[in-house]
Amino acid sequence: MVELKANEIIREIKRAGIRFVVALPDRTTSEHLLKPILQDRDLKVVQVCKEDEGISICSGLYNTGQRALLLIQHTGLLDSVNSLRGVAVEGQNPVCMMVGLLGKEPGVPPAQSKRYGLRIVEPILDAMGIERHLIEGSEDILKIVPAIERAYERSAPVVLLIGREPR
């Protein structure tokens, strides 16, 4: 597996037409992904205190014709399931999320993790009918743009699971 490069992720986010990154700093993506995004003149960052706020903000930006990405940790995703259900799934809003999987073991699928919180992420997304993709190496980067495009075409959420810390 080839290293996951933050600059490649940022390039693909921008190629997908994302102009706003709504973020709650997390330990998986903050250092090498969020910090460079904060310096990028093409992207505006909206920092939130709670992940469910981010879901609503992304939805609001969509309703003004803007594309946004919510950058959070998996624990925040779990905390925001009701908001995700109401605003994104039932409200049919293309909330695009990039979710850091803190503590995920290298090469181990999330569903087989020793960590309960990681094991339940994918089954919950599946039960909600939310498209998801694991981004763990550079070969996975090419999933980003098509996933975001499908979210906007279908007016449905998508979750990009970041399986290891980008560099």
N, C-alpha and C. Protein backbone atom coordinates (compact mmCIF):
# COMPACT_ATOMS: atom_id res chain seq x y z
N MET A 1 0.85 -1.18 0.00
CA MET A 1 0.00 0.00 0.00
C MET A 1 0.90 1.25 0.00
N VAL A 2 0.61 2.14 -0.93
CA VAL A 2 1.38 3.36 -1.06
C VAL A 2 0.88 4.38 -0.05
N GLU A 3 1.82 5.17 0.47
CA GLU A 3 1.51 6.19 1.49
C GLU A 3 0.34 7.08 1.07
N LEU A 4 -0.43 7.49 2.04
CA LEU A 4 -1.55 8.41 1.82
C LEU A 4 -1.02 9.84 1.93
N LYS A 5 -1.10 10.59 0.83
CA LYS A 5 -0.51 11.92 0.78
C LYS A 5 -1.59 13.00 0.89
N ALA A 6 -1.41 13.87 1.87
CA ALA A 6 -2.39 14.93 2.13
C ALA A 6 -2.54 15.86 0.93
N ASN A 7 -1.43 16.19 0.26
CA ASN A 7 -1.53 17.11 -0.87
C ASN A 7 -2.36 16.52 -2.01
N GLU A 8 -2.33 15.18 -2.16
CA GLU A 8 -3.16 14.54 -3.17
C GLU A 8 -4.64 14.57 -2.78
N ILE A 9 -4.91 14.40 -1.50
CA ILE A 9 -6.30 14.49 -1.02
C ILE A 9 -6.84 15.89 -1.26
N ILE A 10 -6.06 16.91 -0.92
CA ILE A 10 -6.47 18.30 -1.10
C ILE A 10 -6.71 18.58 -2.58
N ARG A 11 -5.84 18.10 -3.45
CA ARG A 11 -6.00 18.29 -4.89
C ARG A 11 -7.35 17.71 -5.35
N GLU A 12 -7.67 16.51 -4.89
CA GLU A 12 -8.92 15.86 -5.31
C GLU A 12 -10.15 16.56 -4.74
N ILE A 13 -10.05 17.03 -3.51
CA ILE A 13 -11.15 17.80 -2.92
C ILE A 13 -11.46 19.01 -3.81
N LYS A 14 -10.43 19.71 -4.22
CA LYS A 14 -10.62 20.89 -5.06
C LYS A 14 -11.12 20.52 -6.45
N ARG A 15 -10.63 19.40 -7.00
CA ARG A 15 -11.11 18.93 -8.32
C ARG A 15 -12.60 18.61 -8.28
N ALA A 16 -13.10 18.21 -7.12
CA ALA A 16 -14.53 17.89 -6.97
C ALA A 16 -15.38 19.15 -6.78
N GLY A 17 -14.76 20.31 -6.80
CA GLY A 17 -15.51 21.55 -6.68
C GLY A 17 -15.78 21.99 -5.26
N ILE A 18 -15.15 21.34 -4.30
CA ILE A 18 -15.32 21.74 -2.90
C ILE A 18 -14.63 23.08 -2.69
N ARG A 19 -15.35 24.03 -2.06
CA ARG A 19 -14.77 25.33 -1.76
C ARG A 19 -14.79 25.63 -0.27
N PHE A 20 -15.59 24.88 0.48
CA PHE A 20 -15.67 25.06 1.93
C PHE A 20 -15.33 23.74 2.62
N VAL A 21 -14.47 23.81 3.62
CA VAL A 21 -14.19 22.66 4.47
C VAL A 21 -14.68 23.02 5.86
N VAL A 22 -15.68 22.29 6.31
CA VAL A 22 -16.24 22.49 7.64
C VAL A 22 -15.55 21.47 8.53
N ALA A 23 -14.90 21.92 9.60
CA ALA A 23 -14.00 21.01 10.32
C ALA A 23 -14.10 21.14 11.83
N LEU A 24 -13.95 19.99 12.45
CA LEU A 24 -13.70 19.90 13.87
C LEU A 24 -12.38 19.14 13.95
N PRO A 25 -11.32 19.76 14.43
CA PRO A 25 -10.01 19.10 14.41
C PRO A 25 -10.03 17.71 15.04
N ASP A 26 -9.33 16.78 14.40
CA ASP A 26 -9.23 15.42 14.93
C ASP A 26 -7.78 14.95 14.81
N ARG A 27 -7.47 13.91 15.53
CA ARG A 27 -6.08 13.46 15.62
C ARG A 27 -5.59 12.75 14.36
N THR A 28 -6.48 12.27 13.52
CA THR A 28 -6.06 11.57 12.31
C THR A 28 -5.73 12.52 11.18
N THR A 29 -6.51 13.59 11.03
CA THR A 29 -6.35 14.45 9.85
C THR A 29 -5.84 15.86 10.13
N SER A 30 -5.77 16.30 11.36
CA SER A 30 -5.44 17.71 11.64
C SER A 30 -4.04 18.12 11.19
N GLU A 31 -3.05 17.38 11.58
CA GLU A 31 -1.66 17.81 11.36
C GLU A 31 -1.32 17.98 9.88
N HIS A 32 -1.61 16.99 9.07
CA HIS A 32 -1.13 17.02 7.68
C HIS A 32 -2.21 17.33 6.66
N LEU A 33 -3.46 17.36 7.08
CA LEU A 33 -4.54 17.66 6.14
C LEU A 33 -5.22 19.00 6.49
N LEU A 34 -5.72 19.15 7.69
CA LEU A 34 -6.42 20.38 8.06
C LEU A 34 -5.48 21.59 8.07
N LYS A 35 -4.29 21.44 8.63
CA LYS A 35 -3.37 22.60 8.69
C LYS A 35 -3.05 23.14 7.29
N PRO A 36 -2.72 22.29 6.30
CA PRO A 36 -2.51 22.82 4.95
C PRO A 36 -3.78 23.41 4.33
N ILE A 37 -4.93 22.83 4.62
CA ILE A 37 -6.19 23.37 4.11
C ILE A 37 -6.41 24.78 4.66
N LEU A 38 -6.06 25.00 5.92
CA LEU A 38 -6.20 26.33 6.52
C LEU A 38 -5.36 27.38 5.79
N GLN A 39 -4.27 26.95 5.16
CA GLN A 39 -3.37 27.86 4.45
C GLN A 39 -3.73 28.00 2.96
N ASP A 40 -4.63 27.18 2.47
CA ASP A 40 -4.97 27.14 1.05
C ASP A 40 -5.97 28.25 0.72
N ARG A 41 -5.59 29.13 -0.19
CA ARG A 41 -6.44 30.27 -0.55
C ARG A 41 -7.69 29.87 -1.33
N ASP A 42 -7.69 28.68 -1.91
CA ASP A 42 -8.85 28.21 -2.68
C ASP A 42 -9.95 27.61 -1.80
N LEU A 43 -9.63 27.34 -0.55
CA LEU A 43 -10.58 26.70 0.35
C LEU A 43 -10.85 27.58 1.56
N LYS A 44 -12.11 27.69 1.91
CA LYS A 44 -12.50 28.43 3.12
C LYS A 44 -12.83 27.41 4.20
N VAL A 45 -12.32 27.63 5.40
CA VAL A 45 -12.54 26.70 6.50
C VAL A 45 -13.53 27.30 7.48
N VAL A 46 -14.52 26.50 7.84
CA VAL A 46 -15.49 26.87 8.88
C VAL A 46 -15.27 25.89 10.02
N GLN A 47 -14.78 26.38 11.15
CA GLN A 47 -14.54 25.49 12.29
C GLN A 47 -15.79 25.44 13.16
N VAL A 48 -16.12 24.23 13.59
CA VAL A 48 -17.32 24.02 14.41
C VAL A 48 -16.94 23.41 15.75
N CYS A 49 -17.87 23.48 16.68
CA CYS A 49 -17.65 22.89 18.01
C CYS A 49 -18.25 21.50 18.13
N LYS A 50 -19.26 21.20 17.35
CA LYS A 50 -19.94 19.90 17.36
C LYS A 50 -20.11 19.44 15.91
N GLU A 51 -19.93 18.16 15.70
CA GLU A 51 -20.00 17.61 14.35
C GLU A 51 -21.38 17.78 13.72
N ASP A 52 -22.44 17.67 14.52
CA ASP A 52 -23.78 17.81 13.94
C ASP A 52 -24.02 19.23 13.42
N GLU A 53 -23.34 20.23 14.00
CA GLU A 53 -23.39 21.58 13.45
C GLU A 53 -22.84 21.58 12.03
N GLY A 54 -21.76 20.83 11.84
CA GLY A 54 -21.13 20.75 10.53
C GLY A 54 -22.04 20.16 9.47
N ILE A 55 -22.83 19.17 9.85
CA ILE A 55 -23.78 18.58 8.90
C ILE A 55 -24.78 19.63 8.44
N SER A 56 -25.29 20.42 9.36
CA SER A 56 -26.25 21.47 9.02
C SER A 56 -25.60 22.57 8.18
N ILE A 57 -24.37 22.93 8.51
CA ILE A 57 -23.67 23.97 7.75
C ILE A 57 -23.41 23.50 6.33
N CYS A 58 -22.96 22.26 6.16
CA CYS A 58 -22.73 21.72 4.80
C CYS A 58 -24.03 21.73 4.00
N SER A 59 -25.13 21.37 4.64
CA SER A 59 -26.43 21.39 3.98
C SER A 59 -26.82 22.81 3.59
N GLY A 60 -26.61 23.74 4.49
CA GLY A 60 -26.92 25.13 4.19
C GLY A 60 -26.09 25.68 3.04
N LEU A 61 -24.81 25.33 3.01
CA LEU A 61 -23.95 25.77 1.91
C LEU A 61 -24.43 25.20 0.59
N TYR A 62 -24.84 23.93 0.59
CA TYR A 62 -25.39 23.30 -0.62
C TYR A 62 -26.60 24.09 -1.11
N ASN A 63 -27.44 24.51 -0.20
CA ASN A 63 -28.65 25.24 -0.58
C ASN A 63 -28.37 26.66 -1.07
N THR A 64 -27.12 27.11 -0.95
CA THR A 64 -26.72 28.40 -1.54
C THR A 64 -25.87 28.18 -2.79
N GLY A 65 -25.79 26.93 -3.25
CA GLY A 65 -25.04 26.63 -4.47
C GLY A 65 -23.57 26.34 -4.26
N GLN A 66 -23.15 26.17 -3.02
CA GLN A 66 -21.74 25.90 -2.70
C GLN A 66 -21.54 24.43 -2.37
N ARG A 67 -20.32 23.96 -2.63
CA ARG A 67 -19.96 22.59 -2.26
C ARG A 67 -19.06 22.62 -1.03
N ALA A 68 -19.38 21.75 -0.08
CA ALA A 68 -18.62 21.71 1.17
C ALA A 68 -18.27 20.27 1.53
N LEU A 69 -17.25 20.14 2.36
CA LEU A 69 -16.80 18.85 2.87
C LEU A 69 -16.69 18.98 4.38
N LEU A 70 -17.25 18.01 5.10
CA LEU A 70 -17.14 17.98 6.56
C LEU A 70 -15.98 17.08 6.95
N LEU A 71 -15.01 17.61 7.66
CA LEU A 71 -13.80 16.88 8.06
C LEU A 71 -13.85 16.65 9.57
N ILE A 72 -14.07 15.37 9.98
CA ILE A 72 -14.24 15.03 11.39
C ILE A 72 -13.62 13.66 11.70
N GLN A 73 -13.70 13.27 12.94
CA GLN A 73 -13.24 11.96 13.40
C GLN A 73 -14.44 11.01 13.52
N HIS A 74 -14.19 9.71 13.49
CA HIS A 74 -15.29 8.73 13.53
C HIS A 74 -16.14 8.83 14.80
N THR A 75 -15.55 9.23 15.90
CA THR A 75 -16.34 9.37 17.13
C THR A 75 -17.38 10.47 16.97
N GLY A 76 -17.03 11.52 16.25
CA GLY A 76 -17.99 12.59 15.97
C GLY A 76 -19.07 12.15 15.01
N LEU A 77 -18.71 11.30 14.06
CA LEU A 77 -19.72 10.74 13.17
C LEU A 77 -20.75 9.95 13.98
N LEU A 78 -20.25 9.11 14.88
CA LEU A 78 -21.15 8.32 15.71
C LEU A 78 -22.05 9.21 16.56
N ASP A 79 -21.50 10.32 17.04
CA ASP A 79 -22.26 11.26 17.86
C ASP A 79 -23.32 12.01 17.05
N SER A 80 -23.17 12.03 15.72
CA SER A 80 -24.02 12.85 14.85
C SER A 80 -25.01 12.05 14.02
N VAL A 81 -25.21 10.80 14.35
CA VAL A 81 -26.06 9.93 13.52
C VAL A 81 -27.47 10.51 13.33
N ASN A 82 -28.08 11.05 14.36
CA ASN A 82 -29.43 11.58 14.21
C ASN A 82 -29.47 12.78 13.27
N SER A 83 -28.52 13.67 13.39
CA SER A 83 -28.44 14.81 12.49
C SER A 83 -28.19 14.35 11.05
N LEU A 84 -27.30 13.39 10.90
CA LEU A 84 -27.00 12.83 9.58
C LEU A 84 -28.27 12.22 8.97
N ARG A 85 -29.02 11.51 9.80
CA ARG A 85 -30.28 10.91 9.34
C ARG A 85 -31.27 11.98 8.88
N GLY A 86 -31.51 12.95 9.75
CA GLY A 86 -32.54 13.94 9.46
C GLY A 86 -32.17 14.92 8.36
N VAL A 87 -30.99 15.49 8.45
CA VAL A 87 -30.59 16.55 7.52
C VAL A 87 -30.13 15.98 6.18
N ALA A 88 -29.27 14.97 6.22
CA ALA A 88 -28.66 14.49 4.98
C ALA A 88 -29.47 13.39 4.30
N VAL A 89 -29.85 12.36 5.06
CA VAL A 89 -30.55 11.22 4.44
C VAL A 89 -32.00 11.59 4.13
N GLU A 90 -32.79 11.89 5.16
CA GLU A 90 -34.20 12.20 4.93
C GLU A 90 -34.39 13.55 4.24
N GLY A 91 -33.51 14.50 4.53
CA GLY A 91 -33.57 15.81 3.88
C GLY A 91 -33.01 15.81 2.48
N GLN A 92 -32.41 14.72 2.07
CA GLN A 92 -31.82 14.55 0.73
C GLN A 92 -30.83 15.66 0.40
N ASN A 93 -29.86 15.83 1.28
CA ASN A 93 -28.80 16.81 1.07
C ASN A 93 -27.47 16.10 0.89
N PRO A 94 -26.69 16.51 -0.11
CA PRO A 94 -25.41 15.86 -0.37
C PRO A 94 -24.31 16.29 0.60
N VAL A 95 -24.42 15.84 1.82
CA VAL A 95 -23.40 16.15 2.82
C VAL A 95 -22.23 15.20 2.60
N CYS A 96 -21.10 15.76 2.20
CA CYS A 96 -19.89 14.98 1.93
C CYS A 96 -19.00 15.05 3.16
N MET A 97 -18.62 13.88 3.64
CA MET A 97 -17.86 13.81 4.89
C MET A 97 -16.55 13.06 4.68
N MET A 98 -15.49 13.58 5.24
CA MET A 98 -14.20 12.90 5.30
C MET A 98 -13.97 12.62 6.78
N VAL A 99 -13.91 11.33 7.12
CA VAL A 99 -13.95 10.91 8.52
C VAL A 99 -12.68 10.15 8.88
N GLY A 100 -11.89 10.71 9.79
CA GLY A 100 -10.67 10.04 10.26
C GLY A 100 -11.00 8.88 11.18
N LEU A 101 -10.39 7.74 10.90
CA LEU A 101 -10.60 6.54 11.73
C LEU A 101 -9.47 6.43 12.74
N LEU A 102 -9.57 7.17 13.82
CA LEU A 102 -8.54 7.21 14.85
C LEU A 102 -8.30 5.83 15.43
N GLY A 103 -7.05 5.40 15.41
CA GLY A 103 -6.66 4.13 16.02
C GLY A 103 -6.86 2.91 15.13
N LYS A 104 -7.23 3.13 13.86
CA LYS A 104 -7.41 1.98 12.97
C LYS A 104 -6.07 1.29 12.75
N GLU A 105 -6.09 -0.02 12.85
CA GLU A 105 -4.88 -0.82 12.66
C GLU A 105 -4.54 -0.89 11.17
N PRO A 106 -3.26 -0.68 10.79
CA PRO A 106 -2.87 -0.72 9.38
C PRO A 106 -3.22 -2.06 8.73
N GLY A 107 -3.85 -1.99 7.56
CA GLY A 107 -4.16 -3.19 6.81
C GLY A 107 -5.34 -4.00 7.32
N VAL A 108 -5.94 -3.58 8.41
CA VAL A 108 -7.09 -4.30 8.98
C VAL A 108 -8.36 -3.55 8.59
N PRO A 109 -9.32 -4.21 7.94
CA PRO A 109 -10.57 -3.53 7.60
C PRO A 109 -11.25 -3.01 8.88
N PRO A 110 -11.88 -1.84 8.80
CA PRO A 110 -12.52 -1.28 9.99
C PRO A 110 -13.46 -2.27 10.69
N ALA A 111 -14.20 -3.05 9.92
CA ALA A 111 -15.16 -4.00 10.51
C ALA A 111 -14.48 -5.11 11.29
N GLN A 112 -13.15 -5.27 11.12
CA GLN A 112 -12.41 -6.31 11.84
C GLN A 112 -11.47 -5.72 12.89
N SER A 113 -11.61 -4.44 13.15
CA SER A 113 -10.76 -3.77 14.14
C SER A 113 -11.00 -4.33 15.54
N LYS A 114 -9.99 -4.22 16.38
CA LYS A 114 -10.14 -4.58 17.79
C LYS A 114 -10.96 -3.53 18.53
N ARG A 115 -11.07 -2.35 17.93
CA ARG A 115 -11.77 -1.22 18.56
C ARG A 115 -13.26 -1.22 18.17
N TYR A 116 -14.10 -1.35 19.16
CA TYR A 116 -15.54 -1.42 18.93
C TYR A 116 -16.05 -0.23 18.13
N GLY A 117 -15.61 0.98 18.50
CA GLY A 117 -16.07 2.18 17.82
C GLY A 117 -15.76 2.18 16.34
N LEU A 118 -14.65 1.57 15.95
CA LEU A 118 -14.31 1.46 14.53
C LEU A 118 -15.14 0.37 13.85
N ARG A 119 -15.35 -0.73 14.54
CA ARG A 119 -16.09 -1.86 13.95
C ARG A 119 -17.51 -1.49 13.55
N ILE A 120 -18.12 -0.58 14.28
CA ILE A 120 -19.53 -0.28 14.02
C ILE A 120 -19.77 0.83 12.99
N VAL A 121 -18.73 1.55 12.58
CA VAL A 121 -18.92 2.67 11.66
C VAL A 121 -19.54 2.22 10.34
N GLU A 122 -18.92 1.26 9.67
CA GLU A 122 -19.43 0.85 8.36
C GLU A 122 -20.82 0.22 8.44
N PRO A 123 -21.09 -0.67 9.41
CA PRO A 123 -22.45 -1.21 9.50
C PRO A 123 -23.52 -0.14 9.74
N ILE A 124 -23.19 0.88 10.50
CA ILE A 124 -24.15 1.97 10.73
C ILE A 124 -24.41 2.72 9.42
N LEU A 125 -23.34 3.05 8.69
CA LEU A 125 -23.50 3.74 7.41
C LEU A 125 -24.30 2.88 6.43
N ASP A 126 -24.01 1.58 6.41
CA ASP A 126 -24.74 0.67 5.53
C ASP A 126 -26.22 0.64 5.90
N ALA A 127 -26.53 0.57 7.19
CA ALA A 127 -27.92 0.54 7.64
C ALA A 127 -28.66 1.82 7.25
N MET A 128 -27.92 2.93 7.18
CA MET A 128 -28.52 4.20 6.81
C MET A 128 -28.58 4.40 5.30
N GLY A 129 -27.97 3.47 4.55
CA GLY A 129 -27.95 3.58 3.10
C GLY A 129 -27.00 4.64 2.59
N ILE A 130 -25.96 4.92 3.36
CA ILE A 130 -25.00 5.97 3.00
C ILE A 130 -23.80 5.35 2.30
N GLU A 131 -23.51 5.87 1.10
CA GLU A 131 -22.34 5.42 0.35
C GLU A 131 -21.08 5.73 1.16
N ARG A 132 -20.14 4.78 1.14
CA ARG A 132 -18.89 4.98 1.90
C ARG A 132 -17.73 4.39 1.11
N HIS A 133 -16.55 4.97 1.36
CA HIS A 133 -15.32 4.50 0.72
C HIS A 133 -14.18 4.60 1.72
N LEU A 134 -13.35 3.58 1.76
CA LEU A 134 -12.16 3.60 2.61
C LEU A 134 -11.00 4.17 1.81
N ILE A 135 -10.40 5.23 2.33
CA ILE A 135 -9.25 5.88 1.71
C ILE A 135 -8.07 5.59 2.62
N GLU A 136 -7.21 4.68 2.16
CA GLU A 136 -6.12 4.24 3.03
C GLU A 136 -4.74 4.38 2.38
N GLY A 137 -4.70 4.45 1.07
CA GLY A 137 -3.44 4.60 0.36
C GLY A 137 -3.65 5.46 -0.87
N SER A 138 -2.57 5.83 -1.53
CA SER A 138 -2.66 6.70 -2.70
C SER A 138 -3.54 6.11 -3.80
N GLU A 139 -3.60 4.77 -3.87
CA GLU A 139 -4.45 4.16 -4.90
C GLU A 139 -5.93 4.43 -4.65
N ASP A 140 -6.28 4.81 -3.44
CA ASP A 140 -7.68 5.09 -3.10
C ASP A 140 -8.09 6.53 -3.37
N ILE A 141 -7.12 7.40 -3.60
CA ILE A 141 -7.38 8.83 -3.79
C ILE A 141 -8.36 9.05 -4.95
N LEU A 142 -8.27 8.21 -5.97
CA LEU A 142 -9.12 8.39 -7.15
C LEU A 142 -10.60 8.12 -6.87
N LYS A 143 -10.94 7.65 -5.70
CA LYS A 143 -12.34 7.45 -5.32
C LYS A 143 -13.01 8.75 -4.90
N ILE A 144 -12.22 9.75 -4.55
CA ILE A 144 -12.76 10.97 -3.93
C ILE A 144 -13.68 11.74 -4.86
N VAL A 145 -13.20 12.12 -6.04
CA VAL A 145 -14.01 12.94 -6.95
C VAL A 145 -15.29 12.23 -7.38
N PRO A 146 -15.22 10.97 -7.86
CA PRO A 146 -16.47 10.31 -8.25
C PRO A 146 -17.48 10.18 -7.10
N ALA A 147 -16.99 9.94 -5.90
CA ALA A 147 -17.90 9.80 -4.75
C ALA A 147 -18.61 11.12 -4.46
N ILE A 148 -17.87 12.21 -4.50
CA ILE A 148 -18.48 13.53 -4.26
C ILE A 148 -19.45 13.88 -5.38
N GLU A 149 -19.06 13.60 -6.61
CA GLU A 149 -19.96 13.88 -7.75
C GLU A 149 -21.27 13.10 -7.61
N ARG A 150 -21.18 11.81 -7.24
CA ARG A 150 -22.39 11.00 -7.06
C ARG A 150 -23.28 11.56 -5.95
N ALA A 151 -22.65 12.04 -4.88
CA ALA A 151 -23.43 12.62 -3.78
C ALA A 151 -24.28 13.79 -4.28
N TYR A 152 -23.68 14.66 -5.09
CA TYR A 152 -24.41 15.81 -5.61
C TYR A 152 -25.43 15.41 -6.67
N GLU A 153 -25.12 14.40 -7.48
CA GLU A 153 -26.07 13.92 -8.48
C GLU A 153 -27.30 13.30 -7.82
N ARG A 154 -27.09 12.57 -6.73
CA ARG A 154 -28.15 11.83 -6.06
C ARG A 154 -28.80 12.61 -4.91
N SER A 155 -28.23 13.76 -4.56
CA SER A 155 -28.68 14.51 -3.37
C SER A 155 -28.70 13.61 -2.15
N ALA A 156 -27.55 12.98 -1.91
CA ALA A 156 -27.42 12.02 -0.81
C ALA A 156 -26.03 12.16 -0.19
N PRO A 157 -25.90 11.82 1.08
CA PRO A 157 -24.59 11.92 1.73
C PRO A 157 -23.62 10.85 1.25
N VAL A 158 -22.34 11.14 1.46
CA VAL A 158 -21.27 10.18 1.20
C VAL A 158 -20.23 10.35 2.30
N VAL A 159 -19.60 9.24 2.69
CA VAL A 159 -18.57 9.28 3.72
C VAL A 159 -17.30 8.67 3.17
N LEU A 160 -16.22 9.43 3.22
CA LEU A 160 -14.88 8.97 2.85
C LEU A 160 -14.13 8.71 4.14
N LEU A 161 -13.89 7.45 4.41
CA LEU A 161 -13.24 7.03 5.66
C LEU A 161 -11.73 7.07 5.48
N ILE A 162 -11.05 7.90 6.26
CA ILE A 162 -9.60 8.02 6.17
C ILE A 162 -8.99 7.01 7.13
N GLY A 163 -8.41 5.95 6.54
CA GLY A 163 -7.96 4.80 7.32
C GLY A 163 -6.61 4.93 7.98
N ARG A 164 -5.88 5.98 7.65
CA ARG A 164 -4.60 6.23 8.32
C ARG A 164 -4.23 7.69 8.14
N GLU A 165 -3.31 8.14 8.96
CA GLU A 165 -2.93 9.55 8.94
C GLU A 165 -2.23 9.90 7.63
N PRO A 166 -2.77 10.88 6.89
CA PRO A 166 -2.09 11.33 5.68
C PRO A 166 -0.79 12.04 6.04
N ARG A 167 0.15 12.00 5.15
CA ARG A 167 1.44 12.68 5.35
C ARG A 167 1.66 13.73 4.30
